[in-house]
Amino acid sequence: MYAVIKTGGKQYKVAAGDVVKVEKLVGEEGSEVVFNEVLALGDKIGTPLVSGASVKATILKQAKDQKVIVFKKKRRQNYRRKNGHRQNITLVKISDFAGAKPAKAKAAKAEASAE
């Protein structure tokens, strides 16, 4: 089973046991974090979010990502600028999914109300 979560302005497809590199989250190593913005869970797709679904994860490490080189140049103008940047990241391990309502129960409820 997998889920699609949204954090830090990005979307990640995760499964239980995955180690994911996300934008920096507040918390210490070993603490638990819950992602409430779940866009999809298994075959159920939210509009825009899956109601009542959440993904639990454990923070493994607070670190910096690899360096990105920013190089600007204008030819024939003797203009060159070189700069580097390292983004703060958090490594999290996905533990489990919680609170998702099964699709069959919702379908049965819709049929009962239609009759």
PDB file of N, CA and C in Angstrom:
ATOM      1  N   MET A   1       0.847  -1.179   0.000  1.00  0.00           N
ATOM      2  CA  MET A   1       0.000   0.000   0.000  1.00  0.00           C
ATOM      3  C   MET A   1       0.888   1.237   0.000  1.00  0.00           C
ATOM      4  N   TYR A   2       0.433   2.251  -0.691  1.00  0.00           N
ATOM      5  CA  TYR A   2       1.214   3.478  -0.759  1.00  0.00           C
ATOM      6  C   TYR A   2       0.299   4.678  -0.524  1.00  0.00           C
ATOM      7  N   ALA A   3       0.931   5.827  -0.307  1.00  0.00           N
ATOM      8  CA  ALA A   3       0.190   7.073  -0.133  1.00  0.00           C
ATOM      9  C   ALA A   3       0.957   8.180  -0.828  1.00  0.00           C
ATOM     10  N   VAL A   4       0.245   9.231  -1.206  1.00  0.00           N
ATOM     11  CA  VAL A   4       0.866  10.426  -1.759  1.00  0.00           C
ATOM     12  C   VAL A   4       0.620  11.538  -0.747  1.00  0.00           C
ATOM     13  N   ILE A   5       1.714  12.080  -0.191  1.00  0.00           N
ATOM     14  CA  ILE A   5       1.592  13.130   0.818  1.00  0.00           C
ATOM     15  C   ILE A   5       2.148  14.433   0.269  1.00  0.00           C
ATOM     16  N   LYS A   6       1.737  15.529   0.883  1.00  0.00           N
ATOM     17  CA  LYS A   6       2.214  16.847   0.484  1.00  0.00           C
ATOM     18  C   LYS A   6       2.868  17.497   1.691  1.00  0.00           C
ATOM     19  N   THR A   7       4.128  17.918   1.519  1.00  0.00           N
ATOM     20  CA  THR A   7       4.834  18.635   2.574  1.00  0.00           C
ATOM     21  C   THR A   7       5.904  19.504   1.938  1.00  0.00           C
ATOM     22  N   GLY A   8       6.071  20.688   2.458  1.00  0.00           N
ATOM     23  CA  GLY A   8       7.087  21.600   1.937  1.00  0.00           C
ATOM     24  C   GLY A   8       6.835  22.037   0.512  1.00  0.00           C
ATOM     25  N   GLY A   9       5.567  22.047   0.075  1.00  0.00           N
ATOM     26  CA  GLY A   9       5.248  22.458  -1.282  1.00  0.00           C
ATOM     27  C   GLY A   9       5.525  21.405  -2.337  1.00  0.00           C
ATOM     28  N   LYS A  10       5.863  20.197  -1.906  1.00  0.00           N
ATOM     29  CA  LYS A  10       6.156  19.113  -2.836  1.00  0.00           C
ATOM     30  C   LYS A  10       5.293  17.902  -2.496  1.00  0.00           C
ATOM     31  N   GLN A  11       5.158  16.994  -3.444  1.00  0.00           N
ATOM     32  CA  GLN A  11       4.386  15.782  -3.241  1.00  0.00           C
ATOM     33  C   GLN A  11       5.309  14.572  -3.308  1.00  0.00           C
ATOM     34  N   TYR A  12       5.081  13.603  -2.416  1.00  0.00           N
ATOM     35  CA  TYR A  12       5.924  12.419  -2.334  1.00  0.00           C
ATOM     36  C   TYR A  12       5.049  11.174  -2.313  1.00  0.00           C
ATOM     37  N   LYS A  13       5.433  10.170  -3.103  1.00  0.00           N
ATOM     38  CA  LYS A  13       4.776   8.874  -3.059  1.00  0.00           C
ATOM     39  C   LYS A  13       5.557   8.008  -2.070  1.00  0.00           C
ATOM     40  N   VAL A  14       4.892   7.567  -0.999  1.00  0.00           N
ATOM     41  CA  VAL A  14       5.575   6.851   0.069  1.00  0.00           C
ATOM     42  C   VAL A  14       4.859   5.534   0.371  1.00  0.00           C
ATOM     43  N   ALA A  15       5.621   4.600   0.899  1.00  0.00           N
ATOM     44  CA  ALA A  15       5.086   3.326   1.379  1.00  0.00           C
ATOM     45  C   ALA A  15       5.662   3.090   2.773  1.00  0.00           C
ATOM     46  N   ALA A  16       5.081   2.165   3.499  1.00  0.00           N
ATOM     47  CA  ALA A  16       5.558   1.867   4.849  1.00  0.00           C
ATOM     48  C   ALA A  16       6.998   1.369   4.787  1.00  0.00           C
ATOM     49  N   GLY A  17       7.862   1.947   5.620  1.00  0.00           N
ATOM     50  CA  GLY A  17       9.267   1.557   5.663  1.00  0.00           C
ATOM     51  C   GLY A  17      10.179   2.395   4.789  1.00  0.00           C
ATOM     52  N   ASP A  18       9.634   3.275   3.965  1.00  0.00           N
ATOM     53  CA  ASP A  18      10.453   4.122   3.093  1.00  0.00           C
ATOM     54  C   ASP A  18      11.167   5.203   3.899  1.00  0.00           C
ATOM     55  N   VAL A  19      12.374   5.557   3.451  1.00  0.00           N
ATOM     56  CA  VAL A  19      13.110   6.691   4.000  1.00  0.00           C
ATOM     57  C   VAL A  19      13.045   7.795   2.947  1.00  0.00           C
ATOM     58  N   VAL A  20      12.486   8.950   3.341  1.00  0.00           N
ATOM     59  CA  VAL A  20      12.226  10.031   2.405  1.00  0.00           C
ATOM     60  C   VAL A  20      12.963  11.288   2.847  1.00  0.00           C
ATOM     61  N   LYS A  21      13.522  12.009   1.871  1.00  0.00           N
ATOM     62  CA  LYS A  21      14.214  13.275   2.122  1.00  0.00           C
ATOM     63  C   LYS A  21      13.235  14.399   1.818  1.00  0.00           C
ATOM     64  N   VAL A  22      12.818  15.163   2.853  1.00  0.00           N
ATOM     65  CA  VAL A  22      11.835  16.231   2.690  1.00  0.00           C
ATOM     66  C   VAL A  22      12.434  17.557   3.141  1.00  0.00           C
ATOM     67  N   GLU A  23      11.725  18.649   2.848  1.00  0.00           N
ATOM     68  CA  GLU A  23      12.145  19.963   3.336  1.00  0.00           C
ATOM     69  C   GLU A  23      12.209  19.934   4.860  1.00  0.00           C
ATOM     70  N   LYS A  24      12.979  20.833   5.442  1.00  0.00           N
ATOM     71  CA  LYS A  24      13.211  20.830   6.883  1.00  0.00           C
ATOM     72  C   LYS A  24      11.904  20.890   7.669  1.00  0.00           C
ATOM     73  N   LEU A  25      11.774  19.967   8.633  1.00  0.00           N
ATOM     74  CA  LEU A  25      10.642  19.920   9.537  1.00  0.00           C
ATOM     75  C   LEU A  25      11.112  20.256  10.939  1.00  0.00           C
ATOM     76  N   VAL A  26      10.235  20.829  11.732  1.00  0.00           N
ATOM     77  CA  VAL A  26      10.567  21.147  13.113  1.00  0.00           C
ATOM     78  C   VAL A  26      10.464  19.866  13.931  1.00  0.00           C
ATOM     79  N   GLY A  27      11.498  19.561  14.701  1.00  0.00           N
ATOM     80  CA  GLY A  27      11.506  18.363  15.529  1.00  0.00           C
ATOM     81  C   GLY A  27      12.911  17.826  15.691  1.00  0.00           C
ATOM     82  N   GLU A  28      13.089  17.009  16.722  1.00  0.00           N
ATOM     83  CA  GLU A  28      14.394  16.418  16.993  1.00  0.00           C
ATOM     84  C   GLU A  28      14.447  14.992  16.444  1.00  0.00           C
ATOM     85  N   GLU A  29      15.663  14.476  16.336  1.00  0.00           N
ATOM     86  CA  GLU A  29      15.849  13.109  15.855  1.00  0.00           C
ATOM     87  C   GLU A  29      15.154  12.138  16.801  1.00  0.00           C
ATOM     88  N   GLY A  30      14.424  11.195  16.233  1.00  0.00           N
ATOM     89  CA  GLY A  30      13.704  10.212  17.026  1.00  0.00           C
ATOM     90  C   GLY A  30      12.265  10.587  17.329  1.00  0.00           C
ATOM     91  N   SER A  31      11.897  11.844  17.120  1.00  0.00           N
ATOM     92  CA  SER A  31      10.516  12.250  17.385  1.00  0.00           C
ATOM     93  C   SER A  31       9.613  11.853  16.225  1.00  0.00           C
ATOM     94  N   GLU A  32       8.309  11.776  16.520  1.00  0.00           N
ATOM     95  CA  GLU A  32       7.345  11.349  15.510  1.00  0.00           C
ATOM     96  C   GLU A  32       6.655  12.565  14.911  1.00  0.00           C
ATOM     97  N   VAL A  33       6.404  12.496  13.620  1.00  0.00           N
ATOM     98  CA  VAL A  33       5.721  13.566  12.904  1.00  0.00           C
ATOM     99  C   VAL A  33       4.557  12.946  12.133  1.00  0.00           C
ATOM    100  N   VAL A  34       3.457  13.709  12.011  1.00  0.00           N
ATOM    101  CA  VAL A  34       2.272  13.212  11.316  1.00  0.00           C
ATOM    102  C   VAL A  34       1.996  14.125  10.128  1.00  0.00           C
ATOM    103  N   PHE A  35       1.845  13.530   8.954  1.00  0.00           N
ATOM    104  CA  PHE A  35       1.486  14.259   7.745  1.00  0.00           C
ATOM    105  C   PHE A  35      -0.023  14.119   7.543  1.00  0.00           C
ATOM    106  N   ASN A  36      -0.753  15.228   7.672  1.00  0.00           N
ATOM    107  CA  ASN A  36      -2.209  15.193   7.530  1.00  0.00           C
ATOM    108  C   ASN A  36      -2.673  15.473   6.109  1.00  0.00           C
ATOM    109  N   GLU A  37      -1.816  16.043   5.283  1.00  0.00           N
ATOM    110  CA  GLU A  37      -2.193  16.340   3.901  1.00  0.00           C
ATOM    111  C   GLU A  37      -1.907  15.121   3.029  1.00  0.00           C
ATOM    112  N   VAL A  38      -2.865  14.201   2.972  1.00  0.00           N
ATOM    113  CA  VAL A  38      -2.743  12.973   2.187  1.00  0.00           C
ATOM    114  C   VAL A  38      -3.592  13.137   0.930  1.00  0.00           C
ATOM    115  N   LEU A  39      -2.944  13.129  -0.233  1.00  0.00           N
ATOM    116  CA  LEU A  39      -3.636  13.337  -1.498  1.00  0.00           C
ATOM    117  C   LEU A  39      -4.219  12.045  -2.064  1.00  0.00           C
ATOM    118  N   ALA A  40      -3.580  10.932  -1.777  1.00  0.00           N
ATOM    119  CA  ALA A  40      -4.073   9.628  -2.242  1.00  0.00           C
ATOM    120  C   ALA A  40      -3.614   8.565  -1.254  1.00  0.00           C
ATOM    121  N   LEU A  41      -4.449   7.545  -1.094  1.00  0.00           N
ATOM    122  CA  LEU A  41      -4.115   6.441  -0.202  1.00  0.00           C
ATOM    123  C   LEU A  41      -4.559   5.154  -0.874  1.00  0.00           C
ATOM    124  N   GLY A  42      -3.576   4.390  -1.383  1.00  0.00           N
ATOM    125  CA  GLY A  42      -3.899   3.180  -2.137  1.00  0.00           C
ATOM    126  C   GLY A  42      -4.605   3.544  -3.429  1.00  0.00           C
ATOM    127  N   ASP A  43      -5.797   2.971  -3.641  1.00  0.00           N
ATOM    128  CA  ASP A  43      -6.553   3.287  -4.857  1.00  0.00           C
ATOM    129  C   ASP A  43      -7.545   4.424  -4.642  1.00  0.00           C
ATOM    130  N   LYS A  44      -7.569   4.978  -3.441  1.00  0.00           N
ATOM    131  CA  LYS A  44      -8.491   6.080  -3.136  1.00  0.00           C
ATOM    132  C   LYS A  44      -7.788   7.412  -3.359  1.00  0.00           C
ATOM    133  N   ILE A  45      -8.392   8.264  -4.199  1.00  0.00           N
ATOM    134  CA  ILE A  45      -7.818   9.569  -4.508  1.00  0.00           C
ATOM    135  C   ILE A  45      -8.697  10.635  -3.883  1.00  0.00           C
ATOM    136  N   GLY A  46      -8.079  11.576  -3.173  1.00  0.00           N
ATOM    137  CA  GLY A  46      -8.824  12.628  -2.502  1.00  0.00           C
ATOM    138  C   GLY A  46      -9.218  13.750  -3.435  1.00  0.00           C
ATOM    139  N   THR A  47     -10.149  14.586  -2.938  1.00  0.00           N
ATOM    140  CA  THR A  47     -10.605  15.742  -3.720  1.00  0.00           C
ATOM    141  C   THR A  47     -10.569  16.988  -2.859  1.00  0.00           C
ATOM    142  N   PRO A  48      -9.519  17.661  -2.587  1.00  0.00           N
ATOM    143  CA  PRO A  48      -8.145  17.346  -2.951  1.00  0.00           C
ATOM    144  C   PRO A  48      -7.457  16.430  -1.948  1.00  0.00           C
ATOM    145  N   LEU A  49      -8.003  16.296  -0.721  1.00  0.00           N
ATOM    146  CA  LEU A  49      -7.375  15.451   0.295  1.00  0.00           C
ATOM    147  C   LEU A  49      -8.282  14.280   0.632  1.00  0.00           C
ATOM    148  N   VAL A  50      -7.674  13.181   1.088  1.00  0.00           N
ATOM    149  CA  VAL A  50      -8.433  12.030   1.566  1.00  0.00           C
ATOM    150  C   VAL A  50      -8.873  12.352   2.988  1.00  0.00           C
ATOM    151  N   SER A  51     -10.189  12.353   3.227  1.00  0.00           N
ATOM    152  CA  SER A  51     -10.701  12.766   4.532  1.00  0.00           C
ATOM    153  C   SER A  51     -10.325  11.759   5.615  1.00  0.00           C
ATOM    154  N   GLY A  52      -9.797  12.275   6.714  1.00  0.00           N
ATOM    155  CA  GLY A  52      -9.462  11.445   7.866  1.00  0.00           C
ATOM    156  C   GLY A  52      -8.188  10.638   7.738  1.00  0.00           C
ATOM    157  N   ALA A  53      -7.455  10.772   6.670  1.00  0.00           N
ATOM    158  CA  ALA A  53      -6.241   9.980   6.472  1.00  0.00           C
ATOM    159  C   ALA A  53      -5.027  10.756   6.970  1.00  0.00           C
ATOM    160  N   SER A  54      -4.050  10.025   7.494  1.00  0.00           N
ATOM    161  CA  SER A  54      -2.792  10.628   7.914  1.00  0.00           C
ATOM    162  C   SER A  54      -1.676   9.601   7.786  1.00  0.00           C
ATOM    163  N   VAL A  55      -0.462  10.095   7.695  1.00  0.00           N
ATOM    164  CA  VAL A  55       0.717   9.237   7.571  1.00  0.00           C
ATOM    165  C   VAL A  55       1.660   9.574   8.717  1.00  0.00           C
ATOM    166  N   LYS A  56       2.074   8.562   9.455  1.00  0.00           N
ATOM    167  CA  LYS A  56       2.993   8.759  10.574  1.00  0.00           C
ATOM    168  C   LYS A  56       4.412   8.430  10.135  1.00  0.00           C
ATOM    169  N   ALA A  57       5.370   9.236  10.629  1.00  0.00           N
ATOM    170  CA  ALA A  57       6.770   9.030  10.280  1.00  0.00           C
ATOM    171  C   ALA A  57       7.641   9.383  11.477  1.00  0.00           C
ATOM    172  N   THR A  58       8.870   8.888  11.468  1.00  0.00           N
ATOM    173  CA  THR A  58       9.843   9.173  12.506  1.00  0.00           C
ATOM    174  C   THR A  58      11.006   9.933  11.897  1.00  0.00           C
ATOM    175  N   ILE A  59      11.443  10.995  12.581  1.00  0.00           N
ATOM    176  CA  ILE A  59      12.571  11.785  12.087  1.00  0.00           C
ATOM    177  C   ILE A  59      13.861  11.030  12.362  1.00  0.00           C
ATOM    178  N   LEU A  60      14.614  10.739  11.306  1.00  0.00           N
ATOM    179  CA  LEU A  60      15.886  10.039  11.442  1.00  0.00           C
ATOM    180  C   LEU A  60      17.049  11.007  11.619  1.00  0.00           C
ATOM    181  N   LYS A  61      17.045  12.089  10.823  1.00  0.00           N
ATOM    182  CA  LYS A  61      18.205  12.975  10.822  1.00  0.00           C
ATOM    183  C   LYS A  61      17.833  14.354  10.295  1.00  0.00           C
ATOM    184  N   GLN A  62      18.402  15.388  10.904  1.00  0.00           N
ATOM    185  CA  GLN A  62      18.326  16.756  10.392  1.00  0.00           C
ATOM    186  C   GLN A  62      19.678  17.008   9.723  1.00  0.00           C
ATOM    187  N   ALA A  63      19.674  17.368   8.458  1.00  0.00           N
ATOM    188  CA  ALA A  63      20.934  17.489   7.731  1.00  0.00           C
ATOM    189  C   ALA A  63      20.835  18.586   6.677  1.00  0.00           C
ATOM    190  N   LYS A  64      21.913  18.695   5.893  1.00  0.00           N
ATOM    191  CA  LYS A  64      21.926  19.585   4.743  1.00  0.00           C
ATOM    192  C   LYS A  64      22.071  18.741   3.487  1.00  0.00           C
ATOM    193  N   ASP A  65      21.422  19.182   2.414  1.00  0.00           N
ATOM    194  CA  ASP A  65      21.454  18.474   1.150  1.00  0.00           C
ATOM    195  C   ASP A  65      22.780  18.741   0.442  1.00  0.00           C
ATOM    196  N   GLN A  66      22.979  18.127  -0.708  1.00  0.00           N
ATOM    197  CA  GLN A  66      24.185  18.368  -1.488  1.00  0.00           C
ATOM    198  C   GLN A  66      24.213  19.802  -1.987  1.00  0.00           C
ATOM    199  N   LYS A  67      25.411  20.306  -2.236  1.00  0.00           N
ATOM    200  CA  LYS A  67      25.565  21.679  -2.676  1.00  0.00           C
ATOM    201  C   LYS A  67      25.094  21.852  -4.116  1.00  0.00           C
ATOM    202  N   VAL A  68      24.368  22.936  -4.330  1.00  0.00           N
ATOM    203  CA  VAL A  68      23.927  23.315  -5.664  1.00  0.00           C
ATOM    204  C   VAL A  68      24.737  24.534  -6.068  1.00  0.00           C
ATOM    205  N   ILE A  69      25.408  24.465  -7.217  1.00  0.00           N
ATOM    206  CA  ILE A  69      26.233  25.574  -7.707  1.00  0.00           C
ATOM    207  C   ILE A  69      25.379  26.484  -8.580  1.00  0.00           C
ATOM    208  N   VAL A  70      25.416  27.774  -8.261  1.00  0.00           N
ATOM    209  CA  VAL A  70      24.717  28.783  -9.056  1.00  0.00           C
ATOM    210  C   VAL A  70      25.793  29.586  -9.774  1.00  0.00           C
ATOM    211  N   PHE A  71      25.830  29.493 -11.095  1.00  0.00           N
ATOM    212  CA  PHE A  71      26.863  30.175 -11.884  1.00  0.00           C
ATOM    213  C   PHE A  71      26.199  31.074 -12.904  1.00  0.00           C
ATOM    214  N   LYS A  72      26.528  32.358 -12.827  1.00  0.00           N
ATOM    215  CA  LYS A  72      25.976  33.343 -13.764  1.00  0.00           C
ATOM    216  C   LYS A  72      27.103  33.873 -14.627  1.00  0.00           C
ATOM    217  N   LYS A  73      26.819  34.028 -15.919  1.00  0.00           N
ATOM    218  CA  LYS A  73      27.838  34.537 -16.830  1.00  0.00           C
ATOM    219  C   LYS A  73      27.182  35.292 -17.964  1.00  0.00           C
ATOM    220  N   LYS A  74      27.773  36.405 -18.320  1.00  0.00           N
ATOM    221  CA  LYS A  74      27.372  37.143 -19.518  1.00  0.00           C
ATOM    222  C   LYS A  74      28.592  37.198 -20.418  1.00  0.00           C
ATOM    223  N   ARG A  75      28.450  36.636 -21.585  1.00  0.00           N
ATOM    224  CA  ARG A  75      29.610  36.530 -22.456  1.00  0.00           C
ATOM    225  C   ARG A  75      30.051  37.908 -22.959  1.00  0.00           C
ATOM    226  N   ARG A  76      31.348  38.005 -23.131  1.00  0.00           N
ATOM    227  CA  ARG A  76      32.009  39.223 -23.623  1.00  0.00           C
ATOM    228  C   ARG A  76      31.807  40.440 -22.720  1.00  0.00           C
ATOM    229  N   GLN A  77      31.355  40.249 -21.508  1.00  0.00           N
ATOM    230  CA  GLN A  77      31.146  41.382 -20.602  1.00  0.00           C
ATOM    231  C   GLN A  77      32.047  41.301 -19.367  1.00  0.00           C
ATOM    232  N   ASN A  78      32.869  40.268 -19.302  1.00  0.00           N
ATOM    233  CA  ASN A  78      33.718  40.031 -18.132  1.00  0.00           C
ATOM    234  C   ASN A  78      32.885  39.956 -16.859  1.00  0.00           C
ATOM    235  N   TYR A  79      31.750  39.264 -16.940  1.00  0.00           N
ATOM    236  CA  TYR A  79      30.834  39.126 -15.809  1.00  0.00           C
ATOM    237  C   TYR A  79      30.663  37.644 -15.482  1.00  0.00           C
ATOM    238  N   ARG A  80      31.170  37.246 -14.314  1.00  0.00           N
ATOM    239  CA  ARG A  80      31.009  35.874 -13.836  1.00  0.00           C
ATOM    240  C   ARG A  80      30.772  35.906 -12.337  1.00  0.00           C
ATOM    241  N   ARG A  81      29.768  35.180 -11.876  1.00  0.00           N
ATOM    242  CA  ARG A  81      29.481  35.081 -10.451  1.00  0.00           C
ATOM    243  C   ARG A  81      29.247  33.605 -10.127  1.00  0.00           C
ATOM    244  N   LYS A  82      29.907  33.132  -9.098  1.00  0.00           N
ATOM    245  CA  LYS A  82      29.733  31.748  -8.680  1.00  0.00           C
ATOM    246  C   LYS A  82      29.275  31.750  -7.230  1.00  0.00           C
ATOM    247  N   ASN A  83      28.218  31.014  -6.968  1.00  0.00           N
ATOM    248  CA  ASN A  83      27.668  30.944  -5.625  1.00  0.00           C
ATOM    249  C   ASN A  83      27.217  29.510  -5.370  1.00  0.00           C
ATOM    250  N   GLY A  84      27.190  29.115  -4.112  1.00  0.00           N
ATOM    251  CA  GLY A  84      26.743  27.781  -3.748  1.00  0.00           C
ATOM    252  C   GLY A  84      25.661  27.856  -2.688  1.00  0.00           C
ATOM    253  N   HIS A  85      24.847  26.814  -2.619  1.00  0.00           N
ATOM    254  CA  HIS A  85      23.755  26.777  -1.652  1.00  0.00           C
ATOM    255  C   HIS A  85      23.513  25.347  -1.205  1.00  0.00           C
ATOM    256  N   ARG A  86      23.326  25.157   0.113  1.00  0.00           N
ATOM    257  CA  ARG A  86      22.971  23.846   0.657  1.00  0.00           C
ATOM    258  C   ARG A  86      21.657  23.985   1.417  1.00  0.00           C
ATOM    259  N   GLN A  87      20.637  23.282   0.958  1.00  0.00           N
ATOM    260  CA  GLN A  87      19.307  23.367   1.554  1.00  0.00           C
ATOM    261  C   GLN A  87      19.229  22.470   2.789  1.00  0.00           C
ATOM    262  N   ASN A  88      18.545  22.948   3.837  1.00  0.00           N
ATOM    263  CA  ASN A  88      18.299  22.141   5.029  1.00  0.00           C
ATOM    264  C   ASN A  88      17.214  21.111   4.714  1.00  0.00           C
ATOM    265  N   ILE A  89      17.464  19.852   5.108  1.00  0.00           N
ATOM    266  CA  ILE A  89      16.515  18.773   4.845  1.00  0.00           C
ATOM    267  C   ILE A  89      16.292  17.958   6.109  1.00  0.00           C
ATOM    268  N   THR A  90      15.273  17.129   6.077  1.00  0.00           N
ATOM    269  CA  THR A  90      14.985  16.191   7.153  1.00  0.00           C
ATOM    270  C   THR A  90      14.775  14.821   6.534  1.00  0.00           C
ATOM    271  N   LEU A  91      15.450  13.819   7.069  1.00  0.00           N
ATOM    272  CA  LEU A  91      15.241  12.440   6.629  1.00  0.00           C
ATOM    273  C   LEU A  91      14.207  11.807   7.554  1.00  0.00           C
ATOM    274  N   VAL A  92      13.116  11.303   6.981  1.00  0.00           N
ATOM    275  CA  VAL A  92      12.065  10.679   7.772  1.00  0.00           C
ATOM    276  C   VAL A  92      11.831   9.261   7.281  1.00  0.00           C
ATOM    277  N   LYS A  93      11.459   8.389   8.221  1.00  0.00           N
ATOM    278  CA  LYS A  93      11.113   7.002   7.884  1.00  0.00           C
ATOM    279  C   LYS A  93       9.615   6.839   8.105  1.00  0.00           C
ATOM    280  N   ILE A  94       8.917   6.428   7.061  1.00  0.00           N
ATOM    281  CA  ILE A  94       7.470   6.262   7.120  1.00  0.00           C
ATOM    282  C   ILE A  94       7.158   5.008   7.920  1.00  0.00           C
ATOM    283  N   SER A  95       6.311   5.164   8.952  1.00  0.00           N
ATOM    284  CA  SER A  95       5.991   4.011   9.786  1.00  0.00           C
ATOM    285  C   SER A  95       4.663   3.368   9.391  1.00  0.00           C
ATOM    286  N   ASP A  96       3.577   4.153   9.346  1.00  0.00           N
ATOM    287  CA  ASP A  96       2.301   3.556   8.966  1.00  0.00           C
ATOM    288  C   ASP A  96       1.306   4.616   8.526  1.00  0.00           C
ATOM    289  N   PHE A  97       0.178   4.130   7.984  1.00  0.00           N
ATOM    290  CA  PHE A  97      -0.915   4.984   7.551  1.00  0.00           C
ATOM    291  C   PHE A  97      -2.045   4.828   8.558  1.00  0.00           C
ATOM    292  N   ALA A  98      -2.789   5.909   8.791  1.00  0.00           N
ATOM    293  CA  ALA A  98      -3.844   5.829   9.796  1.00  0.00           C
ATOM    294  C   ALA A  98      -5.078   6.602   9.360  1.00  0.00           C
ATOM    295  N   GLY A  99      -6.217   6.151   9.875  1.00  0.00           N
ATOM    296  CA  GLY A  99      -7.455   6.905   9.763  1.00  0.00           C
ATOM    297  C   GLY A  99      -8.131   6.907   8.422  1.00  0.00           C
ATOM    298  N   ALA A 100      -7.753   6.060   7.502  1.00  0.00           N
ATOM    299  CA  ALA A 100      -8.392   6.060   6.184  1.00  0.00           C
ATOM    300  C   ALA A 100      -9.666   5.236   6.246  1.00  0.00           C
ATOM    301  N   LYS A 101     -10.727   5.785   5.690  1.00  0.00           N
ATOM    302  CA  LYS A 101     -11.987   5.051   5.635  1.00  0.00           C
ATOM    303  C   LYS A 101     -11.965   4.145   4.406  1.00  0.00           C
ATOM    304  N   PRO A 102     -12.366   2.887   4.539  1.00  0.00           N
ATOM    305  CA  PRO A 102     -12.347   1.998   3.372  1.00  0.00           C
ATOM    306  C   PRO A 102     -13.344   2.445   2.310  1.00  0.00           C
ATOM    307  N   ALA A 103     -12.986   2.246   1.067  1.00  0.00           N
ATOM    308  CA  ALA A 103     -13.807   2.684  -0.069  1.00  0.00           C
ATOM    309  C   ALA A 103     -15.117   1.897  -0.144  1.00  0.00           C
ATOM    310  N   LYS A 104     -15.112   0.617   0.253  1.00  0.00           N
ATOM    311  CA  LYS A 104     -16.314  -0.214   0.176  1.00  0.00           C
ATOM    312  C   LYS A 104     -17.405   0.294   1.102  1.00  0.00           C
ATOM    313  N   ALA A 105     -17.045   0.752   2.300  1.00  0.00           N
ATOM    314  CA  ALA A 105     -18.041   1.245   3.253  1.00  0.00           C
ATOM    315  C   ALA A 105     -18.703   2.509   2.712  1.00  0.00           C
ATOM    316  N   LYS A 106     -17.930   3.355   2.075  1.00  0.00           N
ATOM    317  CA  LYS A 106     -18.491   4.587   1.515  1.00  0.00           C
ATOM    318  C   LYS A 106     -19.440   4.277   0.363  1.00  0.00           C
ATOM    319  N   ALA A 107     -19.084   3.288  -0.465  1.00  0.00           N
ATOM    320  CA  ALA A 107     -19.930   2.897  -1.587  1.00  0.00           C
ATOM    321  C   ALA A 107     -21.237   2.289  -1.085  1.00  0.00           C
ATOM    322  N   ALA A 108     -21.167   1.478  -0.046  1.00  0.00           N
ATOM    323  CA  ALA A 108     -22.373   0.848   0.518  1.00  0.00           C
ATOM    324  C   ALA A 108     -23.276   1.916   1.137  1.00  0.00           C
ATOM    325  N   LYS A 109     -22.681   2.920   1.752  1.00  0.00           N
ATOM    326  CA  LYS A 109     -23.440   4.005   2.359  1.00  0.00           C
ATOM    327  C   LYS A 109     -24.150   4.814   1.270  1.00  0.00           C
ATOM    328  N   ALA A 110     -23.489   5.026   0.138  1.00  0.00           N
ATOM    329  CA  ALA A 110     -24.084   5.777  -0.958  1.00  0.00           C
ATOM    330  C   ALA A 110     -25.261   5.006  -1.563  1.00  0.00           C
ATOM    331  N   GLU A 111     -25.139   3.684  -1.670  1.00  0.00           N
ATOM    332  CA  GLU A 111     -26.217   2.873  -2.203  1.00  0.00           C
ATOM    333  C   GLU A 111     -27.440   2.897  -1.278  1.00  0.00           C
ATOM    334  N   ALA A 112     -27.197   2.859   0.023  1.00  0.00           N
ATOM    335  CA  ALA A 112     -28.295   2.856   0.988  1.00  0.00           C
ATOM    336  C   ALA A 112     -29.064   4.175   0.945  1.00  0.00           C
ATOM    337  N   SER A 113     -28.365   5.272   0.773  1.00  0.00           N
ATOM    338  CA  SER A 113     -29.034   6.571   0.720  1.00  0.00           C
ATOM    339  C   SER A 113     -29.760   6.776  -0.606  1.00  0.00           C
ATOM    340  N   ALA A 114     -29.336   6.091  -1.666  1.00  0.00           N
ATOM    341  CA  ALA A 114     -29.956   6.235  -2.977  1.00  0.00           C
ATOM    342  C   ALA A 114     -31.305   5.514  -3.042  1.00  0.00           C
ATOM    343  N   GLU A 115     -31.484   4.486  -2.227  1.00  0.00           N
ATOM    344  CA  GLU A 115     -32.729   3.693  -2.260  1.00  0.00           C
ATOM    345  C   GLU A 115     -33.851   4.360  -1.584  1.00  0.00           C
TER     346      GLU A 115
END
